[in-house]
Structure formats: C-alpha cells, structure tokens
C-alpha cells in the first residue's frame, strides 16, 4: 500500500511540476478513498487479541524493570555503603 501511495504522490508531483495541475483536491480524496477500500482491515477479534498482547507485554516489561531497578539499587547501596 505504501508503494502505491508513493507512486500516487510522485504522479501528483509530476503533474504539478509539468504545469498541468489537473489533479484537484477532490480527485486526490477519491484516490485516497479507493486505496483505503483495498486495505485488508483487521477483524474485531484480531484487534482484541493484539491489544491484550500489548497490555501483557507492558505488564511484563514493567515487572522486569521494577526488579532490575531494585537489584541495581541494592548493589549500589552495598558498594557505596549508604543507607544502613
């Protein structure tokens, strides 16, 4: 899809540079709509599963960094001999 958009943008630029600015905003919007109709949109189930995976990975990353931060804090405290 990005390839088609790049080709359309290049074509639009070429028309503009040639002095034949035939492509109007209306035509551009029609082309955008035609391209969006070609997109294979995800199903509601796919979106829900992907969203759940993102939340799980965020939780895992948060726990990981919490543990890593606490370990680093303990090591630095022991090395510097502060706090106890």
Foldseek 3Di string as FASTA:
>chain_A
DVVVVVVVVVVCVVCVVVVNNPCDPVNVVVVVVVVVVVDDDDDPVVVVVVVVVVVVVVVVVVVVVVVVVVVVVVVVCVVVVPDD
